[in-house]
Amino acid sequence: MKDAEWYDCTHGRDENEGEGLRELAEIVHDVDCKDAKFRRDDAAGVARTIDGIAKLCDRDEDRVERGRALFDELYAAFSGGVARA
């Protein structure tokens, strides 16, 4: 994810919501690009969890459902609130 993209995603939102999205965007970047640009220590754990989901779920629909739940939970933890559906 480009810097401008995650900024656009978070700009104009309330502070806690924007912070949660920013943290998730940094983790996703570090996992996806494998460049440790944001040096997120939690990226390795998220990557490992995603790998586990892929190994446990044969169907794409199940992977998407489990991945969505994972990121909803992470968002709630980082934003200090409840994940939105």
C-alpha atoms as a PDB file:
ATOM      1  CA  MET A   1       0.000   0.000   0.000  1.00  0.00           C
ATOM      2  CA  LYS A   2       1.408   3.376  -0.936  1.00  0.00           C
ATOM      3  CA  ASP A   3       1.778   6.006   1.761  1.00  0.00           C
ATOM      4  CA  ALA A   4      -0.802   8.225   0.051  1.00  0.00           C
ATOM      5  CA  GLU A   5      -3.304   5.375  -0.081  1.00  0.00           C
ATOM      6  CA  TRP A   6      -3.321   4.667   3.632  1.00  0.00           C
ATOM      7  CA  TYR A   7      -3.374   8.399   4.357  1.00  0.00           C
ATOM      8  CA  ASP A   8      -6.420   8.786   2.121  1.00  0.00           C
ATOM      9  CA  CYS A   9      -8.089   5.886   3.956  1.00  0.00           C
ATOM     10  CA  THR A  10      -7.559   7.460   7.357  1.00  0.00           C
ATOM     11  CA  HIS A  11      -7.824  11.203   6.618  1.00  0.00           C
ATOM     12  CA  GLY A  12     -10.979  12.832   7.901  1.00  0.00           C
ATOM     13  CA  ARG A  13     -11.912  10.102  10.360  1.00  0.00           C
ATOM     14  CA  ASP A  14     -12.012  10.478  14.105  1.00  0.00           C
ATOM     15  CA  GLU A  15      -8.644  10.160  15.796  1.00  0.00           C
ATOM     16  CA  ASN A  16      -9.077   6.645  17.252  1.00  0.00           C
ATOM     17  CA  GLU A  17     -10.604   5.235  14.082  1.00  0.00           C
ATOM     18  CA  GLY A  18      -7.859   6.779  11.920  1.00  0.00           C
ATOM     19  CA  GLU A  19      -5.140   5.482  14.210  1.00  0.00           C
ATOM     20  CA  GLY A  20      -6.552   1.961  14.035  1.00  0.00           C
ATOM     21  CA  LEU A  21      -6.663   2.057  10.240  1.00  0.00           C
ATOM     22  CA  ARG A  22      -3.158   3.506  10.061  1.00  0.00           C
ATOM     23  CA  GLU A  23      -1.757   0.739  12.234  1.00  0.00           C
ATOM     24  CA  LEU A  24      -3.508  -1.941  10.178  1.00  0.00           C
ATOM     25  CA  ALA A  25      -2.268  -0.370   6.943  1.00  0.00           C
ATOM     26  CA  GLU A  26       1.310  -0.434   8.238  1.00  0.00           C
ATOM     27  CA  ILE A  27       1.024  -4.089   9.241  1.00  0.00           C
ATOM     28  CA  VAL A  28      -0.524  -5.073   5.906  1.00  0.00           C
ATOM     29  CA  HIS A  29       2.228  -3.201   4.073  1.00  0.00           C
ATOM     30  CA  ASP A  30       4.992  -4.925   6.035  1.00  0.00           C
ATOM     31  CA  VAL A  31       3.368  -8.360   5.562  1.00  0.00           C
ATOM     32  CA  ASP A  32       2.593  -7.887   1.877  1.00  0.00           C
ATOM     33  CA  CYS A  33       5.740  -6.079   0.728  1.00  0.00           C
ATOM     34  CA  LYS A  34       8.130  -7.846   3.119  1.00  0.00           C
ATOM     35  CA  ASP A  35      10.268  -4.717   3.313  1.00  0.00           C
ATOM     36  CA  ALA A  36       9.760  -3.830   7.009  1.00  0.00           C
ATOM     37  CA  LYS A  37       9.243  -0.203   6.005  1.00  0.00           C
ATOM     38  CA  PHE A  38       7.182   0.456   9.121  1.00  0.00           C
ATOM     39  CA  ARG A  39       9.131  -1.976  11.327  1.00  0.00           C
ATOM     40  CA  ARG A  40       5.954  -3.390  12.833  1.00  0.00           C
ATOM     41  CA  ASP A  41       6.894  -6.090  15.316  1.00  0.00           C
ATOM     42  CA  ASP A  42       3.356  -7.466  15.123  1.00  0.00           C
ATOM     43  CA  ALA A  43       3.551  -8.015  11.337  1.00  0.00           C
ATOM     44  CA  ALA A  44       5.260 -11.392  11.791  1.00  0.00           C
ATOM     45  CA  GLY A  45       2.466 -12.652  14.040  1.00  0.00           C
ATOM     46  CA  VAL A  46      -0.215 -11.440  11.662  1.00  0.00           C
ATOM     47  CA  ALA A  47       1.593 -13.091   8.731  1.00  0.00           C
ATOM     48  CA  ARG A  48       1.805 -16.345  10.660  1.00  0.00           C
ATOM     49  CA  THR A  49      -1.870 -16.196  11.554  1.00  0.00           C
ATOM     50  CA  ILE A  50      -2.807 -15.607   7.903  1.00  0.00           C
ATOM     51  CA  ASP A  51      -0.635 -18.570   6.931  1.00  0.00           C
ATOM     52  CA  GLY A  52      -2.453 -20.700   9.494  1.00  0.00           C
ATOM     53  CA  ILE A  53      -5.828 -19.633   8.137  1.00  0.00           C
ATOM     54  CA  ALA A  54      -4.706 -20.576   4.620  1.00  0.00           C
ATOM     55  CA  LYS A  55      -3.540 -23.997   5.805  1.00  0.00           C
ATOM     56  CA  LEU A  56      -6.709 -24.753   7.780  1.00  0.00           C
ATOM     57  CA  CYS A  57      -9.247 -23.547   5.227  1.00  0.00           C
ATOM     58  CA  ASP A  58      -9.526 -25.248   1.862  1.00  0.00           C
ATOM     59  CA  ARG A  59     -12.272 -22.993   0.536  1.00  0.00           C
ATOM     60  CA  ASP A  60     -11.584 -19.362  -0.380  1.00  0.00           C
ATOM     61  CA  GLU A  61     -14.878 -18.328   1.198  1.00  0.00           C
ATOM     62  CA  ASP A  62     -13.746 -19.745   4.541  1.00  0.00           C
ATOM     63  CA  ARG A  63     -10.372 -17.996   4.250  1.00  0.00           C
ATOM     64  CA  VAL A  64     -12.076 -14.678   3.545  1.00  0.00           C
ATOM     65  CA  GLU A  65     -14.454 -15.125   6.486  1.00  0.00           C
ATOM     66  CA  ARG A  66     -11.633 -15.979   8.907  1.00  0.00           C
ATOM     67  CA  GLY A  67      -9.399 -13.194   7.546  1.00  0.00           C
ATOM     68  CA  ARG A  68     -12.202 -10.664   7.872  1.00  0.00           C
ATOM     69  CA  ALA A  69     -12.727 -11.691  11.488  1.00  0.00           C
ATOM     70  CA  LEU A  70      -8.984 -11.392  12.171  1.00  0.00           C
ATOM     71  CA  PHE A  71      -8.777  -7.870  10.782  1.00  0.00           C
ATOM     72  CA  ASP A  72     -12.015  -6.792  12.473  1.00  0.00           C
ATOM     73  CA  GLU A  73     -10.536  -7.925  15.792  1.00  0.00           C
ATOM     74  CA  LEU A  74      -7.216  -6.200  15.132  1.00  0.00           C
ATOM     75  CA  TYR A  75      -9.008  -3.013  14.119  1.00  0.00           C
ATOM     76  CA  ALA A  76     -11.060  -3.072  17.316  1.00  0.00           C
ATOM     77  CA  ALA A  77      -7.895  -3.566  19.368  1.00  0.00           C
ATOM     78  CA  PHE A  78      -6.010  -0.731  17.660  1.00  0.00           C
ATOM     79  CA  SER A  79      -8.905   1.749  17.553  1.00  0.00           C
ATOM     80  CA  GLY A  80     -10.057   1.067  21.088  1.00  0.00           C
ATOM     81  CA  GLY A  81     -13.563   0.357  19.890  1.00  0.00           C
ATOM     82  CA  VAL A  82     -15.822  -2.119  18.231  1.00  0.00           C
ATOM     83  CA  ALA A  83     -15.100  -3.225  14.682  1.00  0.00           C
ATOM     84  CA  ARG A  84     -17.685  -2.072  12.196  1.00  0.00           C
ATOM     85  CA  ALA A  85     -19.363  -4.537   9.864  1.00  0.00           C
END
